[in-house]
Amino acid sequence: MSSMLPRELILHIGFNKTASTWFQHHVFPYLEQVQYIGRGKDPVRGLRRDLVRACPAYQALGLPTEQWRHRADDVIRALVAPAKDGRPGVVSHERMSAPWRFFAERGKPIRHPDALPESLALLRERALALGGERVAVLFFIRRQDSYLPSFYAERSDRIPRAGQSDFEAQLERILGEEYATRGAFLDYGRTVRALQQVLPEADLKVLPFERLRGDAERVLREVGAFLGEDGEALVSRVDTGRRGRQRGGKRPNTWTLRPRRGAVIRPASLRRRLGLDAERTEVTLTADWAERIRETYRASNRDLAVAVPELTESLVAHGYIEDAPAG
């Protein structure tokens, strides 16, 4: 890359519901040795999102590489377009790793989980060819039985029949025969091992979201060190008491749903009194469903501990696995 573009590109790729908005608003803007370039929303020349709009740069990482290989250099230029100088730059967008149409939301394409590592490999290849020195990934994960209801609530305004019955039907689908494609997004062992095939060990940082909730300052120091920022100085500039929006309900193990977009009758309370959207208040994760989710991903989480041994203590402490894998 030229001297006016970042010599290092660090992608904060999510996962969904892991405080990405908090990082984008309350952490990354306070970087000094590293620059925050933004969310990668600049359009890519010649690459279409639809008939009207150009594809934003971040979205390319979710597309099959054959759709944008011929525009890979333009994707990189769009990602770093807001950069001010050659300092390392951070681009943050949770949808780089997002499982599009995970809950059959309206207007979302189907995305295969292998698209992310394949696209990242192409992006890194072209960035280094253009003169870049490093492409790195910061990747937060969240325990699957917490992620699924939280993300469902977040997307509920786009889900036609959102509510408890639909939520459980969606879980049945995702954990059943759809697991190999849709549910595999939360197969962290598989995902991280695929990323490890693309990136040098020092250029992939995986952190559990639960650690951020428990000790934000420690996590910020680790994030700073990975990005190339003085972690202590970053902690002094960030208000760790602020957090992104949460959709937790008033009762334990419940999540509040969003009002449906484009409702004919408003407000939502009137719709409920009329018997419309009767289930659209919240969803509950029952103990049976929580255990089924944990059982589905238990082997994958153990594989993650093997793939990234330094995560083992956190994975045990936060309930991803019961104990450290042998050996």
C-alpha atoms as a PDB file:
ATOM      1  CA  MET A   1       0.000   0.000   0.000  1.00  0.00           C
ATOM      2  CA  SER A   2       1.177   3.564  -0.494  1.00  0.00           C
ATOM      3  CA  SER A   3       2.629   5.591   2.373  1.00  0.00           C
ATOM      4  CA  MET A   4      -0.688   7.435   2.692  1.00  0.00           C
ATOM      5  CA  LEU A   5      -2.563   4.208   3.483  1.00  0.00           C
ATOM      6  CA  PRO A   6      -2.349   2.145   6.668  1.00  0.00           C
ATOM      7  CA  ARG A   7       0.645  -0.168   6.732  1.00  0.00           C
ATOM      8  CA  GLU A   8      -1.406  -2.506   8.909  1.00  0.00           C
ATOM      9  CA  LEU A   9      -5.099  -3.318   8.585  1.00  0.00           C
ATOM     10  CA  ILE A  10      -6.855  -4.733  11.646  1.00  0.00           C
ATOM     11  CA  LEU A  11     -10.397  -6.000  11.132  1.00  0.00           C
ATOM     12  CA  HIS A  12     -12.691  -6.134  14.147  1.00  0.00           C
ATOM     13  CA  ILE A  13     -15.201  -8.596  12.720  1.00  0.00           C
ATOM     14  CA  GLY A  14     -17.669  -9.048  15.586  1.00  0.00           C
ATOM     15  CA  PHE A  15     -19.274 -11.523  16.432  1.00  0.00           C
ATOM     16  CA  ASN A  16     -22.785 -10.117  16.746  1.00  0.00           C
ATOM     17  CA  LYS A  17     -23.920  -9.117  20.231  1.00  0.00           C
ATOM     18  CA  THR A  18     -20.393  -8.860  21.636  1.00  0.00           C
ATOM     19  CA  ALA A  19     -20.284  -5.097  22.348  1.00  0.00           C
ATOM     20  CA  SER A  20     -19.259  -4.136  18.808  1.00  0.00           C
ATOM     21  CA  THR A  21     -21.283  -0.912  19.015  1.00  0.00           C
ATOM     22  CA  TRP A  22     -19.555  -0.017  22.294  1.00  0.00           C
ATOM     23  CA  PHE A  23     -16.143  -0.474  20.702  1.00  0.00           C
ATOM     24  CA  GLN A  24     -17.167   1.581  17.678  1.00  0.00           C
ATOM     25  CA  HIS A  25     -18.489   4.497  19.742  1.00  0.00           C
ATOM     26  CA  HIS A  26     -16.549   4.458  22.986  1.00  0.00           C
ATOM     27  CA  VAL A  27     -13.203   2.721  22.381  1.00  0.00           C
ATOM     28  CA  PHE A  28     -11.874   2.926  18.830  1.00  0.00           C
ATOM     29  CA  PRO A  29     -12.424   6.704  18.449  1.00  0.00           C
ATOM     30  CA  TYR A  30      -9.995   7.174  21.387  1.00  0.00           C
ATOM     31  CA  LEU A  31      -7.094   5.358  19.732  1.00  0.00           C
ATOM     32  CA  GLU A  32      -4.016   7.500  19.153  1.00  0.00           C
ATOM     33  CA  GLN A  33      -1.109   5.360  17.925  1.00  0.00           C
ATOM     34  CA  VAL A  34      -3.645   3.476  15.827  1.00  0.00           C
ATOM     35  CA  GLN A  35      -6.369   5.136  13.756  1.00  0.00           C
ATOM     36  CA  TYR A  36     -10.006   4.109  13.655  1.00  0.00           C
ATOM     37  CA  ILE A  37     -10.982   4.085   9.990  1.00  0.00           C
ATOM     38  CA  GLY A  38     -14.652   3.354  10.550  1.00  0.00           C
ATOM     39  CA  ARG A  39     -17.118   0.611   9.666  1.00  0.00           C
ATOM     40  CA  GLY A  40     -16.038  -0.085   6.102  1.00  0.00           C
ATOM     41  CA  LYS A  41     -19.233   1.306   4.645  1.00  0.00           C
ATOM     42  CA  ASP A  42     -17.657   3.098   1.665  1.00  0.00           C
ATOM     43  CA  PRO A  43     -19.023   1.674  -1.618  1.00  0.00           C
ATOM     44  CA  VAL A  44     -16.870  -0.567  -3.799  1.00  0.00           C
ATOM     45  CA  ARG A  45     -16.494   0.673  -7.342  1.00  0.00           C
ATOM     46  CA  GLY A  46     -18.110  -1.725  -9.793  1.00  0.00           C
ATOM     47  CA  LEU A  47     -19.482  -4.123  -7.177  1.00  0.00           C
ATOM     48  CA  ARG A  48     -23.262  -4.047  -6.773  1.00  0.00           C
ATOM     49  CA  ARG A  49     -25.273  -4.735  -3.644  1.00  0.00           C
ATOM     50  CA  ASP A  50     -28.450  -4.607  -5.739  1.00  0.00           C
ATOM     51  CA  LEU A  51     -29.713  -2.798  -8.797  1.00  0.00           C
ATOM     52  CA  VAL A  52     -29.675   0.560  -7.007  1.00  0.00           C
ATOM     53  CA  ARG A  53     -26.856   0.471  -4.459  1.00  0.00           C
ATOM     54  CA  ALA A  54     -23.154  -0.276  -4.662  1.00  0.00           C
ATOM     55  CA  CYS A  55     -21.843  -2.924  -2.284  1.00  0.00           C
ATOM     56  CA  PRO A  56     -20.289  -1.508   0.920  1.00  0.00           C
ATOM     57  CA  ALA A  57     -16.744  -2.765   1.479  1.00  0.00           C
ATOM     58  CA  TYR A  58     -17.461  -4.676   4.696  1.00  0.00           C
ATOM     59  CA  GLN A  59     -20.121  -6.775   2.968  1.00  0.00           C
ATOM     60  CA  ALA A  60     -17.621  -8.292   0.559  1.00  0.00           C
ATOM     61  CA  LEU A  61     -16.298 -10.551   3.308  1.00  0.00           C
ATOM     62  CA  GLY A  62     -19.647 -12.312   3.397  1.00  0.00           C
ATOM     63  CA  LEU A  63     -19.848 -12.910  -0.353  1.00  0.00           C
ATOM     64  CA  PRO A  64     -18.394 -15.840  -2.299  1.00  0.00           C
ATOM     65  CA  THR A  65     -14.962 -14.758  -3.513  1.00  0.00           C
ATOM     66  CA  GLU A  66     -15.864 -15.373  -7.154  1.00  0.00           C
ATOM     67  CA  GLN A  67     -18.273 -12.438  -6.883  1.00  0.00           C
ATOM     68  CA  TRP A  68     -15.574  -9.919  -5.957  1.00  0.00           C
ATOM     69  CA  ARG A  69     -12.159 -11.390  -6.731  1.00  0.00           C
ATOM     70  CA  HIS A  70     -11.896  -9.121  -9.774  1.00  0.00           C
ATOM     71  CA  ARG A  71     -12.609  -6.139  -7.483  1.00  0.00           C
ATOM     72  CA  ALA A  72     -10.484  -7.188  -4.501  1.00  0.00           C
ATOM     73  CA  ASP A  73      -8.140  -4.182  -4.765  1.00  0.00           C
ATOM     74  CA  ASP A  74     -11.147  -1.865  -4.903  1.00  0.00           C
ATOM     75  CA  VAL A  75     -12.574  -3.551  -1.784  1.00  0.00           C
ATOM     76  CA  ILE A  76      -9.334  -2.807   0.088  1.00  0.00           C
ATOM     77  CA  ARG A  77      -9.242   0.776  -1.121  1.00  0.00           C
ATOM     78  CA  ALA A  78     -12.844   1.280  -0.026  1.00  0.00           C
ATOM     79  CA  LEU A  79     -12.140  -0.234   3.404  1.00  0.00           C
ATOM     80  CA  VAL A  80      -9.257   2.163   4.057  1.00  0.00           C
ATOM     81  CA  ALA A  81     -10.625   5.188   2.179  1.00  0.00           C
ATOM     82  CA  PRO A  82     -11.226   7.267   5.346  1.00  0.00           C
ATOM     83  CA  ALA A  83      -7.649   6.713   6.599  1.00  0.00           C
ATOM     84  CA  LYS A  84      -5.724   9.906   7.377  1.00  0.00           C
ATOM     85  CA  ASP A  85      -2.160   8.556   7.244  1.00  0.00           C
ATOM     86  CA  GLY A  86      -0.045   5.425   7.296  1.00  0.00           C
ATOM     87  CA  ARG A  87      -0.630   4.461  10.935  1.00  0.00           C
ATOM     88  CA  PRO A  88      -2.151   1.024  11.560  1.00  0.00           C
ATOM     89  CA  GLY A  89      -5.889   1.245  10.964  1.00  0.00           C
ATOM     90  CA  VAL A  90      -8.897  -0.494  12.485  1.00  0.00           C
ATOM     91  CA  VAL A  91     -12.074  -1.249  10.544  1.00  0.00           C
ATOM     92  CA  SER A  92     -14.954  -2.531  12.670  1.00  0.00           C
ATOM     93  CA  HIS A  93     -18.176  -4.121  11.480  1.00  0.00           C
ATOM     94  CA  GLU A  94     -19.918  -7.060  13.106  1.00  0.00           C
ATOM     95  CA  ARG A  95     -21.562  -8.030   9.841  1.00  0.00           C
ATOM     96  CA  MET A  96     -18.204  -9.137   8.451  1.00  0.00           C
ATOM     97  CA  SER A  97     -18.879 -12.325  10.414  1.00  0.00           C
ATOM     98  CA  ALA A  98     -22.665 -12.096  10.693  1.00  0.00           C
ATOM     99  CA  PRO A  99     -24.793 -15.139   9.783  1.00  0.00           C
ATOM    100  CA  TRP A 100     -27.131 -13.432   7.336  1.00  0.00           C
ATOM    101  CA  ARG A 101     -30.697 -14.728   7.368  1.00  0.00           C
ATOM    102  CA  PHE A 102     -29.900 -16.779  10.438  1.00  0.00           C
ATOM    103  CA  PHE A 103     -33.478 -16.520  11.707  1.00  0.00           C
ATOM    104  CA  ALA A 104     -35.108 -16.229   8.269  1.00  0.00           C
ATOM    105  CA  GLU A 105     -35.203 -12.427   8.480  1.00  0.00           C
ATOM    106  CA  ARG A 106     -36.824 -10.589   5.608  1.00  0.00           C
ATOM    107  CA  GLY A 107     -34.527  -9.207   2.947  1.00  0.00           C
ATOM    108  CA  LYS A 108     -31.412 -11.114   3.967  1.00  0.00           C
ATOM    109  CA  PRO A 109     -29.445 -13.402   1.631  1.00  0.00           C
ATOM    110  CA  ILE A 110     -28.240 -16.823   2.677  1.00  0.00           C
ATOM    111  CA  ARG A 111     -24.574 -16.870   3.662  1.00  0.00           C
ATOM    112  CA  HIS A 112     -22.386 -19.941   4.053  1.00  0.00           C
ATOM    113  CA  PRO A 113     -20.025 -19.951   7.058  1.00  0.00           C
ATOM    114  CA  ASP A 114     -17.004 -20.771   4.878  1.00  0.00           C
ATOM    115  CA  ALA A 115     -17.343 -17.414   3.114  1.00  0.00           C
ATOM    116  CA  LEU A 116     -15.548 -15.511   5.891  1.00  0.00           C
ATOM    117  CA  PRO A 117     -12.191 -17.372   5.939  1.00  0.00           C
ATOM    118  CA  GLU A 118     -12.136 -17.691   2.152  1.00  0.00           C
ATOM    119  CA  SER A 119     -12.807 -13.972   1.725  1.00  0.00           C
ATOM    120  CA  LEU A 120     -10.287 -13.061   4.407  1.00  0.00           C
ATOM    121  CA  ALA A 121      -7.611 -15.105   2.626  1.00  0.00           C
ATOM    122  CA  LEU A 122      -8.248 -13.198  -0.610  1.00  0.00           C
ATOM    123  CA  LEU A 123      -8.294  -9.837   1.163  1.00  0.00           C
ATOM    124  CA  ARG A 124      -4.996 -10.537   2.919  1.00  0.00           C
ATOM    125  CA  GLU A 125      -3.348 -11.764  -0.282  1.00  0.00           C
ATOM    126  CA  ARG A 126      -4.248  -8.585  -2.141  1.00  0.00           C
ATOM    127  CA  ALA A 127      -3.436  -6.249   0.773  1.00  0.00           C
ATOM    128  CA  LEU A 128       0.076  -7.668   1.035  1.00  0.00           C
ATOM    129  CA  ALA A 129       0.472  -7.453  -2.741  1.00  0.00           C
ATOM    130  CA  LEU A 130      -0.408  -3.757  -2.558  1.00  0.00           C
ATOM    131  CA  GLY A 131       2.358  -3.166  -0.028  1.00  0.00           C
ATOM    132  CA  GLY A 132       0.599  -3.768   3.258  1.00  0.00           C
ATOM    133  CA  GLU A 133       2.633  -5.263   6.092  1.00  0.00           C
ATOM    134  CA  ARG A 134      -0.083  -6.932   8.144  1.00  0.00           C
ATOM    135  CA  VAL A 135      -3.730  -7.947   8.072  1.00  0.00           C
ATOM    136  CA  ALA A 136      -5.029  -8.975  11.498  1.00  0.00           C
ATOM    137  CA  VAL A 137      -8.379  -9.963  12.987  1.00  0.00           C
ATOM    138  CA  LEU A 138      -9.904  -9.154  16.373  1.00  0.00           C
ATOM    139  CA  PHE A 139     -12.744 -11.608  16.984  1.00  0.00           C
ATOM    140  CA  PHE A 140     -15.072 -11.649  19.995  1.00  0.00           C
ATOM    141  CA  ILE A 141     -17.215 -14.700  20.681  1.00  0.00           C
ATOM    142  CA  ARG A 142     -20.203 -15.182  22.983  1.00  0.00           C
ATOM    143  CA  ARG A 143     -21.485 -18.339  24.666  1.00  0.00           C
ATOM    144  CA  GLN A 144     -23.995 -19.862  22.287  1.00  0.00           C
ATOM    145  CA  ASP A 145     -26.920 -20.199  24.689  1.00  0.00           C
ATOM    146  CA  SER A 146     -26.616 -16.467  25.422  1.00  0.00           C
ATOM    147  CA  TYR A 147     -25.919 -15.428  21.838  1.00  0.00           C
ATOM    148  CA  LEU A 148     -28.912 -17.110  20.193  1.00  0.00           C
ATOM    149  CA  PRO A 149     -31.736 -15.440  22.169  1.00  0.00           C
ATOM    150  CA  SER A 150     -29.903 -12.099  22.236  1.00  0.00           C
ATOM    151  CA  PHE A 151     -29.400 -12.046  18.472  1.00  0.00           C
ATOM    152  CA  TYR A 152     -32.970 -13.230  17.913  1.00  0.00           C
ATOM    153  CA  ALA A 153     -34.260 -10.287  19.968  1.00  0.00           C
ATOM    154  CA  GLU A 154     -31.973  -7.899  18.091  1.00  0.00           C
ATOM    155  CA  ARG A 155     -33.297  -9.066  14.713  1.00  0.00           C
ATOM    156  CA  SER A 156     -36.917  -9.555  15.813  1.00  0.00           C
ATOM    157  CA  ASP A 157     -38.225  -6.502  13.945  1.00  0.00           C
ATOM    158  CA  ARG A 158     -37.183  -8.261  10.722  1.00  0.00           C
ATOM    159  CA  ILE A 159     -38.641 -11.663  11.629  1.00  0.00           C
ATOM    160  CA  PRO A 160     -42.237 -11.938  10.374  1.00  0.00           C
ATOM    161  CA  ARG A 161     -43.620 -14.118  13.204  1.00  0.00           C
ATOM    162  CA  ALA A 162     -41.233 -13.234  16.012  1.00  0.00           C
ATOM    163  CA  GLY A 163     -42.264 -14.563  19.408  1.00  0.00           C
ATOM    164  CA  GLN A 164     -41.747 -17.507  21.745  1.00  0.00           C
ATOM    165  CA  SER A 165     -43.226 -20.114  19.405  1.00  0.00           C
ATOM    166  CA  ASP A 166     -41.210 -18.919  16.437  1.00  0.00           C
ATOM    167  CA  PHE A 167     -38.052 -18.601  18.560  1.00  0.00           C
ATOM    168  CA  GLU A 168     -38.254 -22.230  19.631  1.00  0.00           C
ATOM    169  CA  ALA A 169     -39.077 -23.351  16.095  1.00  0.00           C
ATOM    170  CA  GLN A 170     -36.014 -21.470  14.848  1.00  0.00           C
ATOM    171  CA  LEU A 171     -33.829 -23.127  17.482  1.00  0.00           C
ATOM    172  CA  GLU A 172     -35.174 -26.519  16.429  1.00  0.00           C
ATOM    173  CA  ARG A 173     -34.202 -25.773  12.843  1.00  0.00           C
ATOM    174  CA  ILE A 174     -30.789 -24.292  13.609  1.00  0.00           C
ATOM    175  CA  LEU A 175     -29.749 -27.070  15.973  1.00  0.00           C
ATOM    176  CA  GLY A 176     -31.255 -29.777  13.774  1.00  0.00           C
ATOM    177  CA  GLU A 177     -30.662 -30.514  10.124  1.00  0.00           C
ATOM    178  CA  GLU A 178     -29.671 -26.893   9.384  1.00  0.00           C
ATOM    179  CA  TYR A 179     -26.749 -27.084  11.829  1.00  0.00           C
ATOM    180  CA  ALA A 180     -24.149 -27.895   9.163  1.00  0.00           C
ATOM    181  CA  THR A 181     -24.742 -24.501   7.520  1.00  0.00           C
ATOM    182  CA  ARG A 182     -26.664 -22.069   9.709  1.00  0.00           C
ATOM    183  CA  GLY A 183     -25.714 -23.370  13.140  1.00  0.00           C
ATOM    184  CA  ALA A 184     -22.094 -23.768  12.104  1.00  0.00           C
ATOM    185  CA  PHE A 185     -21.580 -20.034  12.521  1.00  0.00           C
ATOM    186  CA  LEU A 186     -21.446 -20.702  16.237  1.00  0.00           C
ATOM    187  CA  ASP A 187     -19.077 -23.640  15.839  1.00  0.00           C
ATOM    188  CA  TYR A 188     -16.176 -21.628  17.235  1.00  0.00           C
ATOM    189  CA  GLY A 189     -13.693 -24.474  16.978  1.00  0.00           C
ATOM    190  CA  ARG A 190     -14.349 -24.766  13.252  1.00  0.00           C
ATOM    191  CA  THR A 191     -14.420 -21.016  12.660  1.00  0.00           C
ATOM    192  CA  VAL A 192     -11.227 -20.226  14.563  1.00  0.00           C
ATOM    193  CA  ARG A 193      -9.311 -23.112  13.014  1.00  0.00           C
ATOM    194  CA  ALA A 194     -10.322 -21.823   9.566  1.00  0.00           C
ATOM    195  CA  LEU A 195      -9.084 -18.344  10.484  1.00  0.00           C
ATOM    196  CA  GLN A 196      -5.837 -19.835  11.799  1.00  0.00           C
ATOM    197  CA  GLN A 197      -5.248 -21.316   8.355  1.00  0.00           C
ATOM    198  CA  VAL A 198      -5.402 -17.813   6.892  1.00  0.00           C
ATOM    199  CA  LEU A 199      -3.581 -15.706   9.493  1.00  0.00           C
ATOM    200  CA  PRO A 200      -0.289 -15.980  11.373  1.00  0.00           C
ATOM    201  CA  GLU A 201      -0.816 -16.823  15.037  1.00  0.00           C
ATOM    202  CA  ALA A 202       0.135 -13.320  16.176  1.00  0.00           C
ATOM    203  CA  ASP A 203      -2.447 -11.746  13.862  1.00  0.00           C
ATOM    204  CA  LEU A 204      -5.573 -13.425  15.271  1.00  0.00           C
ATOM    205  CA  LYS A 205      -6.968 -12.402  18.648  1.00  0.00           C
ATOM    206  CA  VAL A 206     -10.011 -14.267  19.990  1.00  0.00           C
ATOM    207  CA  LEU A 207     -11.692 -12.999  23.166  1.00  0.00           C
ATOM    208  CA  PRO A 208     -14.855 -14.141  24.955  1.00  0.00           C
ATOM    209  CA  PHE A 209     -17.453 -11.392  25.359  1.00  0.00           C
ATOM    210  CA  GLU A 210     -18.071 -12.520  28.930  1.00  0.00           C
ATOM    211  CA  ARG A 211     -14.570 -11.411  29.920  1.00  0.00           C
ATOM    212  CA  LEU A 212     -15.388  -7.896  28.779  1.00  0.00           C
ATOM    213  CA  ARG A 213     -18.398  -7.828  31.064  1.00  0.00           C
ATOM    214  CA  GLY A 214     -16.321  -9.089  33.983  1.00  0.00           C
ATOM    215  CA  ASP A 215     -13.099  -7.078  33.602  1.00  0.00           C
ATOM    216  CA  ALA A 216     -13.328  -4.451  30.872  1.00  0.00           C
ATOM    217  CA  GLU A 217     -10.027  -2.768  31.764  1.00  0.00           C
ATOM    218  CA  ARG A 218      -8.026  -5.976  31.400  1.00  0.00           C
ATOM    219  CA  VAL A 219      -9.652  -6.723  28.065  1.00  0.00           C
ATOM    220  CA  LEU A 220      -8.923  -3.197  26.840  1.00  0.00           C
ATOM    221  CA  ARG A 221      -5.260  -3.642  27.699  1.00  0.00           C
ATOM    222  CA  GLU A 222      -5.173  -6.848  25.665  1.00  0.00           C
ATOM    223  CA  VAL A 223      -7.008  -5.226  22.769  1.00  0.00           C
ATOM    224  CA  GLY A 224      -4.639  -2.259  22.850  1.00  0.00           C
ATOM    225  CA  ALA A 225      -1.579  -4.507  22.763  1.00  0.00           C
ATOM    226  CA  PHE A 226      -2.982  -6.440  19.814  1.00  0.00           C
ATOM    227  CA  LEU A 227      -3.800  -3.283  17.875  1.00  0.00           C
ATOM    228  CA  GLY A 228      -0.492  -1.587  18.619  1.00  0.00           C
ATOM    229  CA  GLU A 229      -1.892   0.911  21.138  1.00  0.00           C
ATOM    230  CA  ASP A 230      -0.674   1.634  24.663  1.00  0.00           C
ATOM    231  CA  GLY A 231      -3.224  -0.343  26.666  1.00  0.00           C
ATOM    232  CA  GLU A 232      -2.836   1.602  29.915  1.00  0.00           C
ATOM    233  CA  ALA A 233      -3.264   4.902  28.114  1.00  0.00           C
ATOM    234  CA  LEU A 234      -6.314   3.552  26.287  1.00  0.00           C
ATOM    235  CA  VAL A 235      -7.937   2.493  29.563  1.00  0.00           C
ATOM    236  CA  SER A 236      -7.421   6.011  30.921  1.00  0.00           C
ATOM    237  CA  ARG A 237      -9.286   7.485  27.938  1.00  0.00           C
ATOM    238  CA  VAL A 238     -12.237   5.061  27.838  1.00  0.00           C
ATOM    239  CA  ASP A 239     -15.288   5.150  30.088  1.00  0.00           C
ATOM    240  CA  THR A 240     -15.558   1.445  30.867  1.00  0.00           C
ATOM    241  CA  GLY A 241     -18.834   2.052  32.699  1.00  0.00           C
ATOM    242  CA  ARG A 242     -20.608   2.719  29.430  1.00  0.00           C
ATOM    243  CA  ARG A 243     -22.015  -0.196  27.545  1.00  0.00           C
ATOM    244  CA  GLY A 244     -23.846  -0.842  24.314  1.00  0.00           C
ATOM    245  CA  ARG A 245     -27.551  -1.489  24.200  1.00  0.00           C
ATOM    246  CA  GLN A 246     -28.773  -4.671  25.848  1.00  0.00           C
ATOM    247  CA  ARG A 247     -32.010  -6.459  25.044  1.00  0.00           C
ATOM    248  CA  GLY A 248     -32.268  -8.429  28.273  1.00  0.00           C
ATOM    249  CA  GLY A 249     -35.811  -8.637  29.625  1.00  0.00           C
ATOM    250  CA  LYS A 250     -37.077  -7.776  33.085  1.00  0.00           C
ATOM    251  CA  ARG A 251     -36.948 -11.412  34.232  1.00  0.00           C
ATOM    252  CA  PRO A 252     -33.958 -13.801  34.213  1.00  0.00           C
ATOM    253  CA  ASN A 253     -33.345 -15.602  30.915  1.00  0.00           C
ATOM    254  CA  THR A 254     -35.680 -13.316  28.964  1.00  0.00           C
ATOM    255  CA  TRP A 255     -34.933 -10.955  26.074  1.00  0.00           C
ATOM    256  CA  THR A 256     -37.099  -8.033  24.961  1.00  0.00           C
ATOM    257  CA  LEU A 257     -38.196  -8.025  21.314  1.00  0.00           C
ATOM    258  CA  ARG A 258     -38.142  -5.036  19.032  1.00  0.00           C
ATOM    259  CA  PRO A 259     -41.406  -3.600  17.652  1.00  0.00           C
ATOM    260  CA  ARG A 260     -42.146  -4.783  14.140  1.00  0.00           C
ATOM    261  CA  ARG A 261     -41.047  -2.429  11.398  1.00  0.00           C
ATOM    262  CA  GLY A 262     -43.762  -0.914   9.272  1.00  0.00           C
ATOM    263  CA  ALA A 263     -46.631  -1.906  11.559  1.00  0.00           C
ATOM    264  CA  VAL A 264     -50.002  -0.717  10.273  1.00  0.00           C
ATOM    265  CA  ILE A 265     -51.358  -0.074  13.758  1.00  0.00           C
ATOM    266  CA  ARG A 266     -49.191   1.777  16.277  1.00  0.00           C
ATOM    267  CA  PRO A 267     -48.206   1.928  19.060  1.00  0.00           C
ATOM    268  CA  ALA A 268     -47.174  -1.636  19.864  1.00  0.00           C
ATOM    269  CA  SER A 269     -49.240  -1.614  23.082  1.00  0.00           C
ATOM    270  CA  LEU A 270     -52.405  -1.008  21.037  1.00  0.00           C
ATOM    271  CA  ARG A 271     -51.509  -3.868  18.713  1.00  0.00           C
ATOM    272  CA  ARG A 272     -51.195  -6.186  21.690  1.00  0.00           C
ATOM    273  CA  ARG A 273     -54.545  -5.059  23.150  1.00  0.00           C
ATOM    274  CA  LEU A 274     -56.143  -5.873  19.806  1.00  0.00           C
ATOM    275  CA  GLY A 275     -54.593  -9.335  19.888  1.00  0.00           C
ATOM    276  CA  LEU A 276     -51.974  -8.499  17.271  1.00  0.00           C
ATOM    277  CA  ASP A 277     -48.330  -9.386  17.898  1.00  0.00           C
ATOM    278  CA  ALA A 278     -49.453 -11.137  21.069  1.00  0.00           C
ATOM    279  CA  GLU A 279     -46.117 -12.882  21.505  1.00  0.00           C
ATOM    280  CA  ARG A 280     -43.921  -9.988  20.452  1.00  0.00           C
ATOM    281  CA  THR A 281     -43.050  -8.764  23.947  1.00  0.00           C
ATOM    282  CA  GLU A 282     -40.146 -11.062  24.837  1.00  0.00           C
ATOM    283  CA  VAL A 283     -38.677 -14.527  24.449  1.00  0.00           C
ATOM    284  CA  THR A 284     -37.552 -16.870  27.204  1.00  0.00           C
ATOM    285  CA  LEU A 285     -34.729 -19.369  27.052  1.00  0.00           C
ATOM    286  CA  THR A 286     -35.916 -22.355  29.079  1.00  0.00           C
ATOM    287  CA  ALA A 287     -33.501 -24.573  30.983  1.00  0.00           C
ATOM    288  CA  ASP A 288     -34.154 -27.434  28.555  1.00  0.00           C
ATOM    289  CA  TRP A 289     -33.321 -25.306  25.518  1.00  0.00           C
ATOM    290  CA  ALA A 290     -30.245 -23.842  27.202  1.00  0.00           C
ATOM    291  CA  GLU A 291     -28.887 -27.315  27.903  1.00  0.00           C
ATOM    292  CA  ARG A 292     -29.646 -28.483  24.367  1.00  0.00           C
ATOM    293  CA  ILE A 293     -27.726 -25.522  22.924  1.00  0.00           C
ATOM    294  CA  ARG A 294     -24.772 -26.120  25.235  1.00  0.00           C
ATOM    295  CA  GLU A 295     -24.738 -29.816  24.348  1.00  0.00           C
ATOM    296  CA  THR A 296     -24.786 -29.028  20.619  1.00  0.00           C
ATOM    297  CA  TYR A 297     -21.692 -26.831  20.857  1.00  0.00           C
ATOM    298  CA  ARG A 298     -19.831 -28.507  23.713  1.00  0.00           C
ATOM    299  CA  ALA A 299     -17.450 -30.466  21.474  1.00  0.00           C
ATOM    300  CA  SER A 300     -16.779 -27.392  19.349  1.00  0.00           C
ATOM    301  CA  ASN A 301     -15.975 -25.291  22.400  1.00  0.00           C
ATOM    302  CA  ARG A 302     -13.530 -27.944  23.593  1.00  0.00           C
ATOM    303  CA  ASP A 303     -11.924 -27.887  20.159  1.00  0.00           C
ATOM    304  CA  LEU A 304     -11.594 -24.123  20.483  1.00  0.00           C
ATOM    305  CA  ALA A 305      -9.733 -24.606  23.774  1.00  0.00           C
ATOM    306  CA  VAL A 306      -7.342 -26.966  22.000  1.00  0.00           C
ATOM    307  CA  ALA A 307      -6.878 -24.565  19.092  1.00  0.00           C
ATOM    308  CA  VAL A 308      -6.268 -21.553  21.366  1.00  0.00           C
ATOM    309  CA  PRO A 309      -4.945 -22.925  24.679  1.00  0.00           C
ATOM    310  CA  GLU A 310      -4.658 -19.501  26.319  1.00  0.00           C
ATOM    311  CA  LEU A 311      -8.459 -19.256  26.136  1.00  0.00           C
ATOM    312  CA  THR A 312      -9.031 -22.401  28.170  1.00  0.00           C
ATOM    313  CA  GLU A 313      -9.218 -20.724  31.575  1.00  0.00           C
ATOM    314  CA  SER A 314     -11.787 -18.193  30.326  1.00  0.00           C
ATOM    315  CA  LEU A 315     -13.830 -20.842  28.531  1.00  0.00           C
ATOM    316  CA  VAL A 316     -14.075 -22.882  31.722  1.00  0.00           C
ATOM    317  CA  ALA A 317     -14.784 -19.856  33.921  1.00  0.00           C
ATOM    318  CA  HIS A 318     -17.594 -18.637  31.665  1.00  0.00           C
ATOM    319  CA  GLY A 319     -19.280 -21.977  31.063  1.00  0.00           C
ATOM    320  CA  TYR A 320     -18.295 -22.750  27.461  1.00  0.00           C
ATOM    321  CA  ILE A 321     -16.737 -26.005  28.700  1.00  0.00           C
ATOM    322  CA  GLU A 322     -16.768 -27.809  32.051  1.00  0.00           C
ATOM    323  CA  ASP A 323     -13.027 -28.454  32.313  1.00  0.00           C
ATOM    324  CA  ALA A 324      -9.802 -28.181  30.380  1.00  0.00           C
ATOM    325  CA  PRO A 325      -9.310 -30.720  27.573  1.00  0.00           C
ATOM    326  CA  ALA A 326      -6.818 -33.460  28.420  1.00  0.00           C
ATOM    327  CA  GLY A 327      -3.314 -32.977  27.057  1.00  0.00           C
END
